Amino acid sequence: MLIVIIILGIVGIAVIPQLQGIVEETKLNEATAELVSGIQYAENLAIRYRRPFGFQANAAEHWFQIYDNRYHTDSAAHTDQDPPVTSYGVVLHPLDKNWYKRDFDEMENYRGVTFTIASSDTIVFYPDGHSAAVNTTITVSLGDRQKTITVDGTTGRISTSGS
């Protein structure tokens, strides 16, 4: 019995660091997918409703939101619009029916994940799918792992890369 416990202990010592790496990689991939999903949704809204919509992020506070550019500076809610918007134009999330603002600090799955944005913290998409910025790069990090999201402003194409 003692030999079995010792063997299990040795196997556990060898496996646990690998499992932590897998968990971190999964967490990073999910957080990156959440950001990409938000960016794609803003782009799709702009094309569908034929007016500008935006993706706004605050890297220091680890949140992002999707907004209707028409109401972005308006503090009043416009829930009678299509799509409905709350104060400052934040749109309704199509799946969970909450306002489309994601805070990584409040989401257990993404705690510890950070991101930085090169250039502006806002990407505004127009009805033809392009954005105002030429190229926007978002780096998503967890520990020593990183993923990079690139938005081509001319085409609206979104790509990811990284370890």
Protein backbone atom coordinates (compact mmCIF):
# COMPACT_ATOMS: atom_id res chain seq x y z
CA MET A 1 0.00 0.00 0.00
CA LEU A 2 2.82 2.40 0.88
CA ILE A 3 4.54 1.71 -2.45
CA VAL A 4 1.34 2.54 -4.36
CA ILE A 5 0.98 5.84 -2.45
CA ILE A 6 4.61 6.76 -3.19
CA ILE A 7 4.16 5.97 -6.90
CA LEU A 8 0.96 8.05 -7.04
CA GLY A 9 2.76 10.91 -5.30
CA ILE A 10 5.60 10.84 -7.84
CA VAL A 11 3.15 10.74 -10.74
CA GLY A 12 1.19 13.61 -9.17
CA ILE A 13 4.31 15.75 -8.82
CA ALA A 14 5.08 15.20 -12.51
CA VAL A 15 1.52 15.78 -13.79
CA ILE A 16 0.32 18.79 -11.76
CA PRO A 17 2.55 21.42 -13.48
CA GLN A 18 1.42 20.16 -16.87
CA LEU A 19 -2.23 20.41 -15.82
CA GLN A 20 -1.70 23.98 -14.63
CA GLY A 21 -0.25 24.84 -18.03
CA ILE A 22 -3.25 23.32 -19.76
CA VAL A 23 -5.65 25.24 -17.50
CA GLU A 24 -3.81 28.52 -18.16
CA GLU A 25 -3.78 27.91 -21.91
CA THR A 26 -7.52 27.17 -21.88
CA LYS A 27 -8.24 30.29 -19.84
CA LEU A 28 -6.18 32.42 -22.26
CA ASN A 29 -7.89 30.89 -25.30
CA GLU A 30 -11.36 31.50 -23.85
CA ALA A 31 -10.57 35.12 -22.93
CA THR A 32 -9.18 35.73 -26.42
CA ALA A 33 -12.30 34.19 -27.95
CA GLU A 34 -14.48 36.44 -25.75
CA LEU A 35 -12.69 39.55 -27.04
CA VAL A 36 -12.81 38.36 -30.67
CA SER A 37 -16.52 37.59 -30.28
CA GLY A 38 -17.17 41.12 -29.03
CA ILE A 39 -15.21 42.68 -31.88
CA GLN A 40 -17.04 40.54 -34.44
CA TYR A 41 -20.39 41.44 -32.91
CA ALA A 42 -19.67 45.18 -33.19
CA GLU A 43 -18.66 44.70 -36.82
CA ASN A 44 -21.76 42.61 -37.57
CA LEU A 45 -24.06 45.19 -35.96
CA ALA A 46 -22.54 47.94 -38.11
CA ILE A 47 -23.17 45.93 -41.27
CA ARG A 48 -26.66 44.81 -40.24
CA TYR A 49 -27.99 48.18 -39.06
CA ARG A 50 -25.99 50.26 -41.57
CA ARG A 51 -24.55 52.64 -39.01
CA PRO A 52 -21.38 52.77 -36.88
CA PHE A 53 -21.00 50.49 -33.86
CA GLY A 54 -17.97 50.22 -31.65
CA PHE A 55 -15.84 48.06 -29.42
CA GLN A 56 -14.43 49.97 -26.45
CA ALA A 57 -11.94 48.50 -24.00
CA ASN A 58 -10.33 49.64 -20.79
CA ALA A 59 -7.15 47.59 -20.43
CA ALA A 60 -6.32 49.03 -16.99
CA GLU A 61 -9.65 47.88 -15.56
CA HIS A 62 -9.90 44.71 -17.71
CA TRP A 63 -13.30 45.33 -19.32
CA PHE A 64 -14.75 45.91 -22.76
CA GLN A 65 -18.16 46.84 -24.11
CA ILE A 66 -20.03 46.98 -27.41
CA TYR A 67 -21.89 50.19 -28.18
CA ASP A 68 -24.05 51.93 -30.75
CA ASN A 69 -21.96 54.90 -31.89
CA ARG A 70 -25.08 57.01 -32.38
CA TYR A 71 -25.71 56.99 -28.59
CA HIS A 72 -22.15 56.62 -27.31
CA THR A 73 -22.07 60.07 -25.67
CA ASP A 74 -25.71 60.00 -24.54
CA SER A 75 -26.26 59.13 -20.84
CA ALA A 76 -29.92 58.21 -21.41
CA ALA A 77 -31.08 54.67 -22.20
CA HIS A 78 -32.82 54.05 -25.52
CA THR A 79 -34.41 50.66 -24.97
CA ASP A 80 -36.98 51.31 -27.71
CA GLN A 81 -34.25 51.26 -30.38
CA ASP A 82 -33.18 48.32 -32.52
CA PRO A 83 -30.98 46.97 -31.02
CA PRO A 84 -31.88 48.27 -27.55
CA VAL A 85 -29.18 50.37 -25.88
CA THR A 86 -28.57 51.46 -22.31
CA SER A 87 -26.79 54.61 -21.17
CA TYR A 88 -23.85 55.60 -23.38
CA GLY A 89 -25.09 53.32 -26.12
CA VAL A 90 -24.12 49.91 -24.70
CA VAL A 91 -26.07 47.29 -26.66
CA LEU A 92 -27.87 44.21 -25.46
CA HIS A 93 -25.96 40.91 -25.68
CA PRO A 94 -27.88 38.59 -28.02
CA LEU A 95 -27.43 35.43 -25.93
CA ASP A 96 -27.64 36.28 -22.24
CA LYS A 97 -29.86 39.38 -22.72
CA ASN A 98 -27.64 41.52 -20.47
CA TRP A 99 -25.90 44.69 -21.55
CA TYR A 100 -22.80 43.84 -23.58
CA LYS A 101 -20.12 44.82 -21.11
CA ARG A 102 -17.62 42.16 -20.04
CA ASP A 103 -15.39 42.69 -17.00
CA PHE A 104 -12.65 40.07 -16.75
CA ASP A 105 -12.18 40.82 -13.03
CA GLU A 106 -15.80 39.83 -12.35
CA MET A 107 -15.73 36.70 -14.51
CA GLU A 108 -14.22 33.74 -12.65
CA ASN A 109 -13.01 32.08 -15.87
CA TYR A 110 -10.92 35.11 -16.87
CA ARG A 111 -9.45 36.30 -13.57
CA GLY A 112 -5.76 37.00 -14.01
CA VAL A 113 -6.08 37.56 -17.76
CA THR A 114 -4.93 41.00 -18.90
CA PHE A 115 -4.92 42.71 -22.26
CA THR A 116 -3.30 45.74 -23.84
CA ILE A 117 -4.37 47.63 -26.92
CA ALA A 118 -1.95 49.32 -29.28
CA SER A 119 -3.18 52.75 -30.38
CA SER A 120 -6.79 53.58 -29.48
CA ASP A 121 -8.97 51.82 -26.90
CA THR A 122 -11.92 52.05 -29.30
CA ILE A 123 -12.58 50.33 -32.61
CA VAL A 124 -15.49 51.83 -34.56
CA PHE A 125 -16.90 49.74 -37.40
CA TYR A 126 -18.80 51.22 -40.34
CA PRO A 127 -21.57 49.74 -42.52
CA ASP A 128 -19.13 48.30 -45.07
CA GLY A 129 -17.23 46.44 -42.30
CA HIS A 130 -14.10 48.57 -42.16
CA SER A 131 -12.93 50.35 -39.00
CA ALA A 132 -11.60 53.83 -38.45
CA ALA A 133 -8.14 52.63 -37.37
CA VAL A 134 -5.77 51.25 -40.00
CA ASN A 135 -4.76 48.29 -37.83
CA THR A 136 -5.48 47.58 -34.17
CA THR A 137 -3.56 45.05 -32.10
CA ILE A 138 -4.77 43.62 -28.79
CA THR A 139 -2.37 41.49 -26.76
CA VAL A 140 -4.04 39.10 -24.31
CA SER A 141 -1.79 37.73 -21.54
CA LEU A 142 -1.86 35.24 -18.71
CA GLY A 143 1.44 34.62 -16.96
CA ASP A 144 4.08 34.09 -19.64
CA ARG A 145 1.53 33.12 -22.30
CA GLN A 146 0.23 35.59 -24.89
CA LYS A 147 -2.21 35.76 -27.78
CA THR A 148 -2.44 38.62 -30.25
CA ILE A 149 -5.65 39.80 -31.89
CA THR A 150 -5.22 41.94 -35.00
CA VAL A 151 -8.03 43.90 -36.62
CA ASP A 152 -7.32 45.05 -40.17
CA GLY A 153 -9.06 48.40 -40.42
CA THR A 154 -9.36 48.35 -44.18
CA THR A 155 -11.09 44.98 -44.49
CA GLY A 156 -12.39 44.43 -40.94
CA ARG A 157 -10.64 41.04 -40.92
CA ILE A 158 -9.89 39.77 -37.40
CA SER A 159 -7.03 37.33 -36.84
CA THR A 160 -5.36 35.76 -33.80
CA SER A 161 -1.88 34.42 -33.25
CA GLY A 162 0.42 33.46 -30.40
CA SER A 163 1.39 30.70 -28.07
